[in-house]
Amino acid sequence: MFEGIVQKLLEEYLGRYVKDIQKDQLKIGLWNGQVLLENVGLNLEAFDYLQLPFALKQGHVGRLSIRIPWKKLGWDPIIILLEDVFICAYQREDHEWSLDSVEKREFAGKKAKLAAAELAKLSRRVCDNQAGQSFISYITAKILDGIQVSVKNFHVRCINGHDLGG
């Protein structure tokens, strides 16, 4: 039951970056605040909106763990740990930097910024319309400010565009 809910939440927030999350990849200790996701592939288009001069050929995260301190939420940090991250990237060819491709990436970047601005506007409107929301906004901001992200064993392999077959 909880696995399905957490799986949907993770897919909602991580769906842009990771491939389909399966229940067998997910281990949850809800009451002790532990969420563990293992052996997840990265979407090859995950970082296109950043308009980088390279593209992903392959990406993999060995372990993503999240520790949520339920008893001291807002005072102790939420800890997110990424382990055994492997990324294989290649430099984009000149034809990939055609005007159409660049415009598509720019449009995706603008769309992401617009979505973030609309979400912030909606959040402000909801907070302004509901009594007592200032406390909830304060707690939410305190929780988000306390998130800590650590990365262990991060491997990047850059390959020549001619080596894409292997």
N, C-alpha and C. Protein backbone atom coordinates (compact mmCIF):
# COMPACT_ATOMS: atom_id res chain seq x y z
N MET A 1 0.82 -1.19 0.00
CA MET A 1 0.00 0.00 0.00
C MET A 1 0.87 1.26 0.00
N PHE A 2 1.75 1.38 1.03
CA PHE A 2 2.62 2.55 1.10
C PHE A 2 3.60 2.58 -0.07
N GLU A 3 4.04 1.39 -0.51
CA GLU A 3 4.97 1.33 -1.63
C GLU A 3 4.38 1.98 -2.87
N GLY A 4 3.11 1.73 -3.13
CA GLY A 4 2.45 2.31 -4.29
C GLY A 4 2.38 3.82 -4.22
N ILE A 5 2.08 4.34 -3.04
CA ILE A 5 2.00 5.80 -2.85
C ILE A 5 3.37 6.43 -3.02
N VAL A 6 4.37 5.84 -2.36
CA VAL A 6 5.73 6.38 -2.45
C VAL A 6 6.26 6.24 -3.87
N GLN A 7 5.94 5.14 -4.53
CA GLN A 7 6.37 4.94 -5.91
C GLN A 7 5.80 6.04 -6.80
N LYS A 8 4.53 6.37 -6.63
CA LYS A 8 3.90 7.43 -7.43
C LYS A 8 4.54 8.79 -7.14
N LEU A 9 4.82 9.07 -5.85
CA LEU A 9 5.47 10.33 -5.50
C LEU A 9 6.86 10.43 -6.13
N LEU A 10 7.63 9.34 -6.03
CA LEU A 10 8.96 9.34 -6.62
C LEU A 10 8.90 9.50 -8.13
N GLU A 11 7.95 8.84 -8.77
CA GLU A 11 7.80 8.98 -10.22
C GLU A 11 7.43 10.41 -10.59
N GLU A 12 6.61 11.04 -9.76
CA GLU A 12 6.20 12.42 -10.03
C GLU A 12 7.39 13.37 -9.94
N TYR A 13 8.21 13.22 -8.90
CA TYR A 13 9.31 14.15 -8.69
C TYR A 13 10.58 13.76 -9.44
N LEU A 14 10.81 12.48 -9.65
CA LEU A 14 12.04 12.03 -10.31
C LEU A 14 11.81 11.56 -11.73
N GLY A 15 10.55 11.55 -12.17
CA GLY A 15 10.20 11.00 -13.47
C GLY A 15 10.94 11.61 -14.64
N ARG A 16 11.28 12.87 -14.55
CA ARG A 16 12.01 13.53 -15.63
C ARG A 16 13.42 12.96 -15.77
N TYR A 17 13.98 12.50 -14.65
CA TYR A 17 15.38 12.10 -14.63
C TYR A 17 15.61 10.59 -14.71
N VAL A 18 14.71 9.80 -14.16
CA VAL A 18 14.94 8.35 -14.12
C VAL A 18 13.90 7.61 -14.95
N LYS A 19 14.30 6.42 -15.40
CA LYS A 19 13.37 5.56 -16.15
C LYS A 19 12.38 4.96 -15.17
N ASP A 20 11.44 4.21 -15.67
CA ASP A 20 10.37 3.63 -14.86
C ASP A 20 10.87 3.02 -13.56
N ILE A 21 10.23 3.40 -12.47
CA ILE A 21 10.56 2.86 -11.16
C ILE A 21 9.67 1.65 -10.91
N GLN A 22 10.29 0.52 -10.63
CA GLN A 22 9.56 -0.71 -10.35
C GLN A 22 9.52 -0.95 -8.85
N LYS A 23 8.49 -1.63 -8.39
CA LYS A 23 8.34 -1.89 -6.95
C LYS A 23 9.49 -2.72 -6.39
N ASP A 24 10.08 -3.61 -7.19
CA ASP A 24 11.17 -4.42 -6.67
C ASP A 24 12.46 -3.61 -6.50
N GLN A 25 12.53 -2.41 -7.07
CA GLN A 25 13.68 -1.53 -6.89
C GLN A 25 13.54 -0.68 -5.63
N LEU A 26 12.38 -0.68 -5.03
CA LEU A 26 12.03 0.23 -3.95
C LEU A 26 11.90 -0.50 -2.63
N LYS A 27 12.61 0.02 -1.62
CA LYS A 27 12.48 -0.52 -0.27
C LYS A 27 12.11 0.65 0.65
N ILE A 28 11.06 0.46 1.44
CA ILE A 28 10.56 1.56 2.26
C ILE A 28 10.44 1.12 3.71
N GLY A 29 11.01 1.91 4.59
CA GLY A 29 10.78 1.79 6.02
C GLY A 29 10.10 3.08 6.43
N LEU A 30 8.81 3.15 6.18
CA LEU A 30 8.08 4.41 6.32
C LEU A 30 8.18 4.98 7.73
N TRP A 31 8.01 4.16 8.75
CA TRP A 31 7.98 4.68 10.11
C TRP A 31 9.36 5.11 10.59
N ASN A 32 10.42 4.48 10.07
CA ASN A 32 11.75 4.93 10.46
C ASN A 32 12.32 5.94 9.48
N GLY A 33 11.55 6.31 8.47
CA GLY A 33 11.93 7.39 7.57
C GLY A 33 12.95 7.01 6.52
N GLN A 34 13.00 5.76 6.13
CA GLN A 34 13.97 5.30 5.14
C GLN A 34 13.28 4.95 3.82
N VAL A 35 13.79 5.50 2.74
CA VAL A 35 13.34 5.14 1.40
C VAL A 35 14.60 4.79 0.61
N LEU A 36 14.60 3.64 -0.03
CA LEU A 36 15.76 3.18 -0.78
C LEU A 36 15.31 2.76 -2.18
N LEU A 37 15.97 3.30 -3.17
CA LEU A 37 15.69 2.98 -4.56
C LEU A 37 17.00 2.49 -5.18
N GLU A 38 16.99 1.29 -5.75
CA GLU A 38 18.22 0.70 -6.26
C GLU A 38 18.15 0.40 -7.75
N ASN A 39 19.32 0.52 -8.39
CA ASN A 39 19.49 0.15 -9.80
C ASN A 39 18.49 0.83 -10.72
N VAL A 40 18.64 2.14 -10.83
CA VAL A 40 17.72 2.94 -11.64
C VAL A 40 18.48 3.52 -12.83
N GLY A 41 17.89 3.40 -14.01
CA GLY A 41 18.47 4.00 -15.21
C GLY A 41 18.06 5.45 -15.35
N LEU A 42 18.95 6.26 -15.91
CA LEU A 42 18.64 7.67 -16.15
C LEU A 42 18.04 7.83 -17.54
N ASN A 43 17.08 8.75 -17.67
CA ASN A 43 16.54 9.09 -18.98
C ASN A 43 17.62 9.80 -19.77
N LEU A 44 17.82 9.42 -21.01
CA LEU A 44 18.87 10.02 -21.81
C LEU A 44 18.59 11.49 -22.12
N GLU A 45 17.33 11.88 -22.11
CA GLU A 45 16.96 13.28 -22.38
C GLU A 45 16.82 14.10 -21.10
N ALA A 46 17.20 13.53 -19.97
CA ALA A 46 16.93 14.15 -18.68
C ALA A 46 17.52 15.55 -18.53
N PHE A 47 18.67 15.78 -19.13
CA PHE A 47 19.34 17.05 -18.91
C PHE A 47 19.38 17.92 -20.16
N ASP A 48 18.58 17.59 -21.17
CA ASP A 48 18.55 18.38 -22.39
C ASP A 48 18.10 19.82 -22.14
N TYR A 49 17.24 20.01 -21.16
CA TYR A 49 16.74 21.36 -20.88
C TYR A 49 17.85 22.29 -20.41
N LEU A 50 19.00 21.73 -19.98
CA LEU A 50 20.13 22.56 -19.55
C LEU A 50 20.93 23.10 -20.73
N GLN A 51 20.64 22.60 -21.92
CA GLN A 51 21.29 23.06 -23.15
C GLN A 51 22.80 22.90 -23.09
N LEU A 52 23.26 21.72 -22.68
CA LEU A 52 24.68 21.43 -22.56
C LEU A 52 25.25 20.99 -23.90
N PRO A 53 26.56 21.17 -24.10
CA PRO A 53 27.17 20.76 -25.37
C PRO A 53 27.42 19.26 -25.48
N PHE A 54 26.96 18.51 -24.51
CA PHE A 54 27.10 17.06 -24.57
C PHE A 54 25.76 16.41 -24.26
N ALA A 55 25.66 15.13 -24.61
CA ALA A 55 24.42 14.38 -24.39
C ALA A 55 24.76 13.07 -23.69
N LEU A 56 23.77 12.51 -23.01
CA LEU A 56 23.97 11.23 -22.34
C LEU A 56 23.79 10.09 -23.33
N LYS A 57 24.71 9.14 -23.25
CA LYS A 57 24.55 7.90 -24.00
C LYS A 57 23.97 6.84 -23.08
N GLN A 58 24.39 6.93 -21.81
CA GLN A 58 23.94 5.95 -20.82
C GLN A 58 24.06 6.59 -19.44
N GLY A 59 23.18 6.23 -18.54
CA GLY A 59 23.26 6.72 -17.17
C GLY A 59 22.59 5.75 -16.22
N HIS A 60 23.15 5.64 -15.03
CA HIS A 60 22.66 4.65 -14.07
C HIS A 60 22.96 5.13 -12.65
N VAL A 61 22.01 4.96 -11.75
CA VAL A 61 22.22 5.24 -10.33
C VAL A 61 22.09 3.92 -9.59
N GLY A 62 23.15 3.53 -8.87
CA GLY A 62 23.13 2.27 -8.14
C GLY A 62 22.20 2.30 -6.95
N ARG A 63 22.21 3.43 -6.24
CA ARG A 63 21.39 3.51 -5.02
C ARG A 63 21.04 4.97 -4.74
N LEU A 64 19.77 5.19 -4.49
CA LEU A 64 19.27 6.49 -4.05
C LEU A 64 18.57 6.25 -2.72
N SER A 65 19.11 6.83 -1.66
CA SER A 65 18.46 6.65 -0.36
C SER A 65 18.05 8.00 0.20
N ILE A 66 16.91 8.00 0.85
CA ILE A 66 16.36 9.21 1.46
C ILE A 66 16.05 8.89 2.91
N ARG A 67 16.56 9.72 3.82
CA ARG A 67 16.27 9.55 5.24
C ARG A 67 15.48 10.76 5.71
N ILE A 68 14.27 10.49 6.21
CA ILE A 68 13.37 11.56 6.66
C ILE A 68 13.23 11.44 8.18
N PRO A 69 13.70 12.44 8.92
CA PRO A 69 13.61 12.39 10.39
C PRO A 69 12.23 12.82 10.88
N TRP A 70 11.26 11.91 10.87
CA TRP A 70 9.88 12.26 11.19
C TRP A 70 9.74 12.96 12.53
N LYS A 71 10.47 12.51 13.54
CA LYS A 71 10.30 13.07 14.88
C LYS A 71 10.84 14.49 14.99
N LYS A 72 11.80 14.84 14.15
CA LYS A 72 12.40 16.18 14.20
C LYS A 72 12.36 16.85 12.83
N LEU A 73 11.30 16.57 12.09
CA LEU A 73 11.15 17.13 10.75
C LEU A 73 11.10 18.66 10.85
N GLY A 74 11.95 19.31 10.11
CA GLY A 74 12.04 20.77 10.17
C GLY A 74 13.23 21.23 10.98
N TRP A 75 13.74 20.37 11.83
CA TRP A 75 14.90 20.72 12.64
C TRP A 75 16.13 19.89 12.24
N ASP A 76 15.93 18.61 11.98
CA ASP A 76 17.00 17.76 11.45
C ASP A 76 16.84 17.70 9.94
N PRO A 77 17.94 17.58 9.20
CA PRO A 77 17.84 17.61 7.74
C PRO A 77 17.29 16.31 7.15
N ILE A 78 16.65 16.44 6.01
CA ILE A 78 16.32 15.28 5.18
C ILE A 78 17.60 15.01 4.39
N ILE A 79 18.07 13.78 4.45
CA ILE A 79 19.34 13.44 3.80
C ILE A 79 19.06 12.58 2.57
N ILE A 80 19.54 13.05 1.44
CA ILE A 80 19.42 12.32 0.18
C ILE A 80 20.83 11.90 -0.23
N LEU A 81 21.02 10.60 -0.44
CA LEU A 81 22.34 10.07 -0.79
C LEU A 81 22.25 9.32 -2.11
N LEU A 82 23.07 9.76 -3.06
CA LEU A 82 23.19 9.08 -4.35
C LEU A 82 24.51 8.32 -4.35
N GLU A 83 24.45 7.02 -4.65
CA GLU A 83 25.66 6.20 -4.66
C GLU A 83 25.81 5.48 -5.99
N ASP A 84 27.06 5.28 -6.37
CA ASP A 84 27.39 4.52 -7.57
C ASP A 84 26.67 5.06 -8.80
N VAL A 85 26.92 6.34 -9.08
CA VAL A 85 26.33 7.00 -10.24
C VAL A 85 27.30 6.85 -11.42
N PHE A 86 26.81 6.35 -12.52
CA PHE A 86 27.62 6.17 -13.72
C PHE A 86 26.96 6.93 -14.86
N ILE A 87 27.74 7.80 -15.50
CA ILE A 87 27.23 8.56 -16.65
C ILE A 87 28.21 8.41 -17.80
N CYS A 88 27.70 8.09 -18.95
CA CYS A 88 28.49 8.01 -20.17
C CYS A 88 27.94 9.10 -21.10
N ALA A 89 28.81 10.06 -21.47
CA ALA A 89 28.36 11.21 -22.25
C ALA A 89 29.23 11.37 -23.49
N TYR A 90 28.69 12.02 -24.48
CA TYR A 90 29.44 12.32 -25.70
C TYR A 90 29.15 13.74 -26.13
N GLN A 91 30.12 14.33 -26.83
CA GLN A 91 29.95 15.69 -27.33
C GLN A 91 28.98 15.68 -28.49
N ARG A 92 28.10 16.63 -28.49
CA ARG A 92 27.12 16.73 -29.58
C ARG A 92 27.83 17.09 -30.89
N GLU A 93 27.36 16.52 -31.96
CA GLU A 93 27.89 16.82 -33.29
C GLU A 93 27.36 18.18 -33.74
N ASP A 94 28.00 18.74 -34.76
CA ASP A 94 27.58 20.04 -35.28
C ASP A 94 26.13 20.03 -35.75
N HIS A 95 25.72 18.95 -36.41
CA HIS A 95 24.34 18.91 -36.92
C HIS A 95 23.31 18.85 -35.79
N GLU A 96 23.76 18.41 -34.59
CA GLU A 96 22.85 18.39 -33.44
C GLU A 96 22.64 19.79 -32.87
N TRP A 97 23.51 20.70 -33.27
CA TRP A 97 23.39 22.08 -32.83
C TRP A 97 22.73 22.93 -33.91
N SER A 98 21.95 22.29 -34.75
CA SER A 98 21.21 23.03 -35.77
C SER A 98 20.26 23.99 -35.07
N LEU A 99 19.80 24.94 -35.81
CA LEU A 99 18.92 25.95 -35.25
C LEU A 99 17.67 25.33 -34.64
N ASP A 100 17.11 24.31 -35.30
CA ASP A 100 15.91 23.66 -34.77
C ASP A 100 16.18 23.00 -33.43
N SER A 101 17.30 22.27 -33.32
CA SER A 101 17.63 21.59 -32.07
C SER A 101 17.86 22.58 -30.95
N VAL A 102 18.60 23.64 -31.26
CA VAL A 102 18.87 24.65 -30.24
C VAL A 102 17.57 25.31 -29.81
N GLU A 103 16.72 25.63 -30.77
CA GLU A 103 15.44 26.25 -30.44
C GLU A 103 14.58 25.33 -29.59
N LYS A 104 14.59 24.03 -29.88
CA LYS A 104 13.82 23.08 -29.08
C LYS A 104 14.34 23.03 -27.65
N ARG A 105 15.67 23.01 -27.49
CA ARG A 105 16.24 22.98 -26.13
C ARG A 105 15.94 24.28 -25.39
N GLU A 106 16.06 25.41 -26.10
CA GLU A 106 15.74 26.70 -25.48
C GLU A 106 14.27 26.74 -25.07
N PHE A 107 13.40 26.23 -25.93
CA PHE A 107 11.97 26.20 -25.61
C PHE A 107 11.71 25.34 -24.39
N ALA A 108 12.38 24.18 -24.31
CA ALA A 108 12.22 23.30 -23.14
C ALA A 108 12.69 24.01 -21.88
N GLY A 109 13.79 24.76 -21.97
CA GLY A 109 14.28 25.51 -20.81
C GLY A 109 13.30 26.59 -20.39
N LYS A 110 12.76 27.32 -21.36
CA LYS A 110 11.78 28.36 -21.05
C LYS A 110 10.51 27.77 -20.45
N LYS A 111 10.11 26.62 -20.99
CA LYS A 111 8.92 25.95 -20.48
C LYS A 111 9.11 25.52 -19.02
N ALA A 112 10.31 25.03 -18.69
CA ALA A 112 10.59 24.63 -17.31
C ALA A 112 10.57 25.84 -16.39
N LYS A 113 11.15 26.95 -16.84
CA LYS A 113 11.15 28.17 -16.02
C LYS A 113 9.72 28.69 -15.82
N LEU A 114 8.92 28.64 -16.87
CA LEU A 114 7.53 29.09 -16.79
C LEU A 114 6.74 28.22 -15.82
N ALA A 115 6.95 26.91 -15.89
CA ALA A 115 6.25 26.00 -14.98
C ALA A 115 6.64 26.29 -13.53
N ALA A 116 7.92 26.56 -13.29
CA ALA A 116 8.37 26.88 -11.93
C ALA A 116 7.75 28.19 -11.46
N ALA A 117 7.68 29.19 -12.34
CA ALA A 117 7.08 30.47 -11.97
C ALA A 117 5.58 30.32 -11.68
N GLU A 118 4.89 29.53 -12.49
CA GLU A 118 3.46 29.31 -12.26
C GLU A 118 3.22 28.56 -10.95
N LEU A 119 4.08 27.61 -10.66
CA LEU A 119 3.96 26.87 -9.40
C LEU A 119 4.19 27.80 -8.21
N ALA A 120 5.18 28.68 -8.31
CA ALA A 120 5.44 29.63 -7.23
C ALA A 120 4.26 30.58 -7.06
N LYS A 121 3.69 31.04 -8.17
CA LYS A 121 2.53 31.94 -8.12
C LYS A 121 1.33 31.24 -7.47
N LEU A 122 1.08 30.00 -7.87
CA LEU A 122 -0.02 29.23 -7.30
C LEU A 122 0.21 29.00 -5.81
N SER A 123 1.43 28.71 -5.43
CA SER A 123 1.75 28.49 -4.03
C SER A 123 1.49 29.75 -3.21
N ARG A 124 1.89 30.91 -3.74
CA ARG A 124 1.64 32.17 -3.03
C ARG A 124 0.15 32.43 -2.90
N ARG A 125 -0.60 32.16 -3.98
CA ARG A 125 -2.05 32.39 -3.96
C ARG A 125 -2.73 31.50 -2.92
N VAL A 126 -2.34 30.25 -2.87
CA VAL A 126 -2.92 29.32 -1.90
C VAL A 126 -2.58 29.77 -0.49
N CYS A 127 -1.33 30.18 -0.27
CA CYS A 127 -0.92 30.63 1.06
C CYS A 127 -1.67 31.89 1.48
N ASP A 128 -1.91 32.79 0.53
CA ASP A 128 -2.61 34.02 0.85
C ASP A 128 -4.09 33.78 1.15
N ASN A 129 -4.67 32.75 0.54
CA ASN A 129 -6.10 32.51 0.67
C ASN A 129 -6.49 31.69 1.89
N GLN A 130 -5.57 31.03 2.53
CA GLN A 130 -5.93 30.14 3.63
C GLN A 130 -5.35 30.65 4.94
N ALA A 131 -6.20 30.68 5.96
CA ALA A 131 -5.75 31.11 7.28
C ALA A 131 -4.82 30.06 7.86
N GLY A 132 -3.80 30.52 8.55
CA GLY A 132 -2.87 29.60 9.19
C GLY A 132 -1.81 29.07 8.24
N GLN A 133 -1.86 29.46 7.00
CA GLN A 133 -0.89 28.95 6.04
C GLN A 133 0.51 29.52 6.27
N SER A 134 0.62 30.66 6.94
CA SER A 134 1.95 31.22 7.16
C SER A 134 2.79 30.26 8.00
N PHE A 135 2.19 29.57 8.95
CA PHE A 135 2.92 28.59 9.74
C PHE A 135 3.33 27.41 8.87
N ILE A 136 2.40 26.94 8.03
CA ILE A 136 2.71 25.82 7.14
C ILE A 136 3.80 26.23 6.15
N SER A 137 3.71 27.44 5.63
CA SER A 137 4.74 27.92 4.71
C SER A 137 6.09 28.00 5.40
N TYR A 138 6.09 28.45 6.64
CA TYR A 138 7.33 28.53 7.41
C TYR A 138 7.94 27.14 7.61
N ILE A 139 7.12 26.17 8.00
CA ILE A 139 7.62 24.81 8.22
C ILE A 139 8.11 24.21 6.90
N THR A 140 7.35 24.41 5.83
CA THR A 140 7.75 23.88 4.53
C THR A 140 9.09 24.46 4.10
N ALA A 141 9.24 25.77 4.24
CA ALA A 141 10.51 26.41 3.88
C ALA A 141 11.65 25.89 4.74
N LYS A 142 11.38 25.69 6.02
CA LYS A 142 12.41 25.18 6.93
C LYS A 142 12.83 23.76 6.54
N ILE A 143 11.87 22.93 6.16
CA ILE A 143 12.17 21.56 5.73
C ILE A 143 13.00 21.58 4.44
N LEU A 144 12.57 22.39 3.47
CA LEU A 144 13.28 22.45 2.19
C LEU A 144 14.67 23.04 2.33
N ASP A 145 14.84 24.01 3.22
CA ASP A 145 16.16 24.59 3.44
C ASP A 145 17.12 23.59 4.07
N GLY A 146 16.59 22.61 4.76
CA GLY A 146 17.44 21.66 5.47
C GLY A 146 17.78 20.40 4.70
N ILE A 147 17.40 20.32 3.44
CA ILE A 147 17.71 19.11 2.66
C ILE A 147 19.21 19.07 2.37
N GLN A 148 19.81 17.91 2.62
CA GLN A 148 21.22 17.70 2.33
C GLN A 148 21.34 16.61 1.27
N VAL A 149 22.13 16.88 0.24
CA VAL A 149 22.35 15.90 -0.82
C VAL A 149 23.83 15.53 -0.84
N SER A 150 24.11 14.23 -0.80
CA SER A 150 25.49 13.73 -0.88
C SER A 150 25.59 12.77 -2.05
N VAL A 151 26.76 12.75 -2.67
CA VAL A 151 27.00 11.85 -3.79
C VAL A 151 28.28 11.07 -3.51
N LYS A 152 28.22 9.74 -3.65
CA LYS A 152 29.38 8.87 -3.47
C LYS A 152 29.59 8.06 -4.74
N ASN A 153 30.83 7.90 -5.12
CA ASN A 153 31.19 7.08 -6.29
C ASN A 153 30.50 7.56 -7.55
N PHE A 154 30.87 8.74 -7.98
CA PHE A 154 30.31 9.36 -9.18
C PHE A 154 31.30 9.17 -10.31
N HIS A 155 30.90 8.46 -11.36
CA HIS A 155 31.78 8.15 -12.48
C HIS A 155 31.23 8.78 -13.75
N VAL A 156 32.10 9.51 -14.46
CA VAL A 156 31.72 10.10 -15.73
C VAL A 156 32.69 9.60 -16.79
N ARG A 157 32.14 9.11 -17.87
CA ARG A 157 32.96 8.66 -18.99
C ARG A 157 32.57 9.49 -20.19
N CYS A 158 33.54 10.18 -20.76
CA CYS A 158 33.30 10.97 -21.97
C CYS A 158 33.85 10.19 -23.15
N ILE A 159 33.01 9.98 -24.14
CA ILE A 159 33.43 9.23 -25.31
C ILE A 159 33.38 10.11 -26.54
N ASN A 160 34.16 9.71 -27.53
CA ASN A 160 34.18 10.40 -28.80
C ASN A 160 32.90 10.06 -29.55
N GLY A 161 32.36 10.98 -30.28
CA GLY A 161 31.13 10.75 -31.02
C GLY A 161 31.22 9.58 -31.98
N HIS A 162 32.44 9.22 -32.42
CA HIS A 162 32.61 8.10 -33.34
C HIS A 162 32.53 6.76 -32.62
N ASP A 163 32.60 6.76 -31.29
CA ASP A 163 32.58 5.52 -30.51
C ASP A 163 31.17 5.14 -30.08
N LEU A 164 30.16 5.72 -30.66
CA LEU A 164 28.80 5.49 -30.19
C LEU A 164 28.30 4.08 -30.46
N GLY A 165 28.89 3.38 -31.36
CA GLY A 165 28.41 2.03 -31.67
C GLY A 165 28.68 1.03 -30.58
N GLY A 166 29.66 1.26 -29.71
CA GLY A 166 30.06 0.24 -28.74
C GLY A 166 29.62 0.47 -27.41
